[in-house]
Amino acid sequence: MEIVDIFNILHNAVEARNNGKKISQKEMSQQLGIPMRTYQDWRLGNTKPQASKAVVQMLGYLEDDEIIRVVRKINKLGDN
């Protein structure tokens, strides 16, 4: 699986979480606090943030409840 696939799966999952309401790349980039062009490049596969694949692989080593706990902890750290 390529990084571009991971970003597209995640983007689609966030849209599905919002009852299928489309989320623009601009909206998503704003939510992530990154430039829109950067997010576009990730989704198109033009650039690949190096840590992304490793992060997803590491999450794959965990059980579902552990993944939820870790992601929530990361989100709380991001709010600070």
N, C-alpha and C. Protein backbone atom coordinates (compact mmCIF):
# COMPACT_ATOMS: atom_id res chain seq x y z
N MET A 1 0.85 -1.18 0.00
CA MET A 1 0.00 0.00 0.00
C MET A 1 0.89 1.23 0.00
N GLU A 2 0.52 2.19 -0.80
CA GLU A 2 1.27 3.43 -0.92
C GLU A 2 0.70 4.49 0.03
N ILE A 3 1.51 5.49 0.32
CA ILE A 3 1.09 6.59 1.20
C ILE A 3 -0.16 7.28 0.63
N VAL A 4 -0.19 7.47 -0.67
CA VAL A 4 -1.35 8.11 -1.30
C VAL A 4 -2.63 7.34 -0.98
N ASP A 5 -2.55 6.01 -0.96
CA ASP A 5 -3.71 5.19 -0.63
C ASP A 5 -4.15 5.42 0.81
N ILE A 6 -3.18 5.53 1.71
CA ILE A 6 -3.49 5.76 3.12
C ILE A 6 -4.22 7.08 3.30
N PHE A 7 -3.72 8.14 2.67
CA PHE A 7 -4.37 9.44 2.81
C PHE A 7 -5.77 9.44 2.20
N ASN A 8 -5.94 8.77 1.09
CA ASN A 8 -7.27 8.72 0.47
C ASN A 8 -8.24 7.90 1.32
N ILE A 9 -7.78 6.79 1.89
CA ILE A 9 -8.63 5.99 2.77
C ILE A 9 -9.04 6.81 3.99
N LEU A 10 -8.08 7.51 4.59
CA LEU A 10 -8.39 8.32 5.76
C LEU A 10 -9.34 9.47 5.42
N HIS A 11 -9.10 10.13 4.31
CA HIS A 11 -9.98 11.23 3.90
C HIS A 11 -11.41 10.72 3.71
N ASN A 12 -11.54 9.60 3.02
CA ASN A 12 -12.86 9.02 2.79
C ASN A 12 -13.51 8.57 4.09
N ALA A 13 -12.73 8.05 5.03
CA ALA A 13 -13.27 7.63 6.32
C ALA A 13 -13.80 8.82 7.10
N VAL A 14 -13.10 9.95 7.04
CA VAL A 14 -13.57 11.15 7.73
C VAL A 14 -14.87 11.63 7.08
N GLU A 15 -14.95 11.58 5.76
CA GLU A 15 -16.19 11.96 5.08
C GLU A 15 -17.33 11.03 5.48
N ALA A 16 -17.06 9.73 5.54
CA ALA A 16 -18.09 8.77 5.93
C ALA A 16 -18.56 9.02 7.35
N ARG A 17 -17.63 9.41 8.20
CA ARG A 17 -17.96 9.73 9.60
C ARG A 17 -18.93 10.90 9.67
N ASN A 18 -18.87 11.78 8.68
CA ASN A 18 -19.76 12.95 8.60
C ASN A 18 -20.96 12.66 7.70
N ASN A 19 -21.44 11.42 7.77
CA ASN A 19 -22.62 10.99 6.99
C ASN A 19 -22.44 11.22 5.49
N GLY A 20 -21.24 11.02 5.00
CA GLY A 20 -20.97 11.13 3.57
C GLY A 20 -20.82 12.55 3.06
N LYS A 21 -20.89 13.53 3.96
CA LYS A 21 -20.73 14.93 3.54
C LYS A 21 -19.30 15.13 3.05
N LYS A 22 -19.19 15.63 1.84
CA LYS A 22 -17.87 15.87 1.26
C LYS A 22 -17.09 16.88 2.07
N ILE A 23 -15.80 16.64 2.21
CA ILE A 23 -14.90 17.57 2.88
C ILE A 23 -13.85 17.96 1.85
N SER A 24 -13.75 19.23 1.60
CA SER A 24 -12.79 19.69 0.60
C SER A 24 -11.36 19.53 1.13
N GLN A 25 -10.44 19.51 0.21
CA GLN A 25 -9.04 19.44 0.61
C GLN A 25 -8.65 20.68 1.41
N LYS A 26 -9.26 21.81 1.07
CA LYS A 26 -8.99 23.04 1.79
C LYS A 26 -9.45 22.91 3.24
N GLU A 27 -10.68 22.40 3.43
CA GLU A 27 -11.20 22.22 4.79
C GLU A 27 -10.33 21.26 5.59
N MET A 28 -9.95 20.15 4.96
CA MET A 28 -9.14 19.15 5.67
C MET A 28 -7.77 19.73 6.02
N SER A 29 -7.17 20.45 5.10
CA SER A 29 -5.85 21.02 5.39
C SER A 29 -5.93 22.03 6.53
N GLN A 30 -7.02 22.80 6.57
CA GLN A 30 -7.21 23.75 7.67
C GLN A 30 -7.36 23.01 9.00
N GLN A 31 -8.12 21.93 8.99
CA GLN A 31 -8.29 21.14 10.22
C GLN A 31 -6.97 20.55 10.69
N LEU A 32 -6.12 20.18 9.74
CA LEU A 32 -4.82 19.58 10.09
C LEU A 32 -3.75 20.63 10.37
N GLY A 33 -4.04 21.88 10.01
CA GLY A 33 -3.08 22.96 10.24
C GLY A 33 -1.89 22.92 9.30
N ILE A 34 -2.16 22.51 8.06
CA ILE A 34 -1.10 22.46 7.05
C ILE A 34 -1.57 23.21 5.80
N PRO A 35 -0.63 23.62 4.95
CA PRO A 35 -1.04 24.29 3.71
C PRO A 35 -1.85 23.35 2.81
N MET A 36 -2.83 23.93 2.12
CA MET A 36 -3.66 23.13 1.23
C MET A 36 -2.83 22.42 0.17
N ARG A 37 -1.85 23.11 -0.36
CA ARG A 37 -1.00 22.51 -1.41
C ARG A 37 -0.29 21.26 -0.89
N THR A 38 0.14 21.29 0.35
CA THR A 38 0.80 20.13 0.95
C THR A 38 -0.17 18.96 1.01
N TYR A 39 -1.39 19.22 1.47
CA TYR A 39 -2.39 18.15 1.56
C TYR A 39 -2.73 17.62 0.17
N GLN A 40 -2.86 18.50 -0.80
CA GLN A 40 -3.13 18.07 -2.18
C GLN A 40 -2.02 17.16 -2.68
N ASP A 41 -0.78 17.56 -2.44
CA ASP A 41 0.35 16.76 -2.89
C ASP A 41 0.36 15.38 -2.23
N TRP A 42 0.00 15.31 -0.95
CA TRP A 42 -0.08 14.01 -0.27
C TRP A 42 -1.14 13.13 -0.91
N ARG A 43 -2.32 13.72 -1.17
CA ARG A 43 -3.42 12.93 -1.75
C ARG A 43 -3.15 12.52 -3.19
N LEU A 44 -2.38 13.30 -3.90
CA LEU A 44 -2.04 12.95 -5.28
C LEU A 44 -0.81 12.06 -5.37
N GLY A 45 -0.10 11.94 -4.27
CA GLY A 45 1.12 11.14 -4.26
C GLY A 45 2.34 11.87 -4.79
N ASN A 46 2.23 13.20 -4.94
CA ASN A 46 3.37 13.99 -5.42
C ASN A 46 4.47 14.08 -4.38
N THR A 47 4.08 14.16 -3.12
CA THR A 47 5.05 14.14 -2.02
C THR A 47 4.56 13.14 -1.00
N LYS A 48 5.49 12.62 -0.21
CA LYS A 48 5.16 11.58 0.75
C LYS A 48 5.80 11.90 2.09
N PRO A 49 4.98 12.29 3.07
CA PRO A 49 5.57 12.51 4.39
C PRO A 49 6.15 11.19 4.89
N GLN A 50 7.41 11.19 5.21
CA GLN A 50 8.13 9.95 5.49
C GLN A 50 7.59 9.17 6.68
N ALA A 51 7.13 9.83 7.69
CA ALA A 51 6.69 9.14 8.90
C ALA A 51 5.33 8.47 8.74
N SER A 52 4.54 8.87 7.78
CA SER A 52 3.17 8.39 7.67
C SER A 52 3.06 6.87 7.59
N LYS A 53 3.84 6.28 6.74
CA LYS A 53 3.75 4.83 6.57
C LYS A 53 4.17 4.12 7.85
N ALA A 54 5.21 4.61 8.50
CA ALA A 54 5.66 4.00 9.75
C ALA A 54 4.60 4.12 10.84
N VAL A 55 3.94 5.28 10.91
CA VAL A 55 2.89 5.48 11.92
C VAL A 55 1.76 4.49 11.69
N VAL A 56 1.32 4.34 10.46
CA VAL A 56 0.23 3.42 10.15
C VAL A 56 0.65 1.98 10.46
N GLN A 57 1.87 1.62 10.12
CA GLN A 57 2.35 0.28 10.41
C GLN A 57 2.39 0.02 11.92
N MET A 58 2.85 1.00 12.68
CA MET A 58 2.90 0.85 14.14
C MET A 58 1.50 0.70 14.72
N LEU A 59 0.54 1.48 14.22
CA LEU A 59 -0.84 1.34 14.68
C LEU A 59 -1.37 -0.06 14.35
N GLY A 60 -0.93 -0.61 13.25
CA GLY A 60 -1.35 -1.95 12.85
C GLY A 60 -0.87 -3.04 13.80
N TYR A 61 0.14 -2.78 14.58
CA TYR A 61 0.63 -3.75 15.57
C TYR A 61 -0.25 -3.80 16.81
N LEU A 62 -1.13 -2.80 16.98
CA LEU A 62 -1.94 -2.68 18.19
C LEU A 62 -3.33 -3.29 18.00
N GLU A 63 -3.95 -3.63 19.11
CA GLU A 63 -5.34 -4.07 19.10
C GLU A 63 -6.24 -2.83 18.94
N ASP A 64 -7.47 -3.05 18.54
CA ASP A 64 -8.39 -1.94 18.27
C ASP A 64 -8.50 -0.97 19.44
N ASP A 65 -8.69 -1.48 20.64
CA ASP A 65 -8.86 -0.59 21.79
C ASP A 65 -7.58 0.20 22.08
N GLU A 66 -6.43 -0.41 21.81
CA GLU A 66 -5.16 0.28 21.99
C GLU A 66 -5.00 1.40 20.97
N ILE A 67 -5.43 1.15 19.75
CA ILE A 67 -5.36 2.17 18.69
C ILE A 67 -6.19 3.38 19.09
N ILE A 68 -7.40 3.12 19.56
CA ILE A 68 -8.28 4.21 19.97
C ILE A 68 -7.64 5.01 21.09
N ARG A 69 -7.09 4.34 22.07
CA ARG A 69 -6.45 5.02 23.20
C ARG A 69 -5.27 5.87 22.74
N VAL A 70 -4.44 5.33 21.87
CA VAL A 70 -3.26 6.04 21.37
C VAL A 70 -3.67 7.25 20.54
N VAL A 71 -4.62 7.08 19.65
CA VAL A 71 -5.06 8.19 18.79
C VAL A 71 -5.68 9.30 19.63
N ARG A 72 -6.48 8.94 20.60
CA ARG A 72 -7.07 9.97 21.47
C ARG A 72 -5.99 10.71 22.26
N LYS A 73 -4.99 9.99 22.72
CA LYS A 73 -3.88 10.62 23.45
C LYS A 73 -3.13 11.60 22.53
N ILE A 74 -2.88 11.17 21.30
CA ILE A 74 -2.20 12.04 20.33
C ILE A 74 -3.05 13.28 20.05
N ASN A 75 -4.36 13.09 19.88
CA ASN A 75 -5.24 14.24 19.64
C ASN A 75 -5.24 15.21 20.79
N LYS A 76 -5.22 14.72 22.01
CA LYS A 76 -5.16 15.60 23.18
C LYS A 76 -3.86 16.39 23.20
N LEU A 77 -2.75 15.77 22.84
CA LEU A 77 -1.46 16.46 22.79
C LEU A 77 -1.49 17.55 21.72
N GLY A 78 -2.18 17.29 20.61
CA GLY A 78 -2.29 18.26 19.53
C GLY A 78 -3.12 19.47 19.90
N ASP A 79 -4.01 19.32 20.86
CA ASP A 79 -4.86 20.43 21.29
C ASP A 79 -4.09 21.43 22.15
N ASN A 80 -2.95 21.04 22.65
CA ASN A 80 -2.17 21.93 23.54
C ASN A 80 -1.34 22.90 22.76
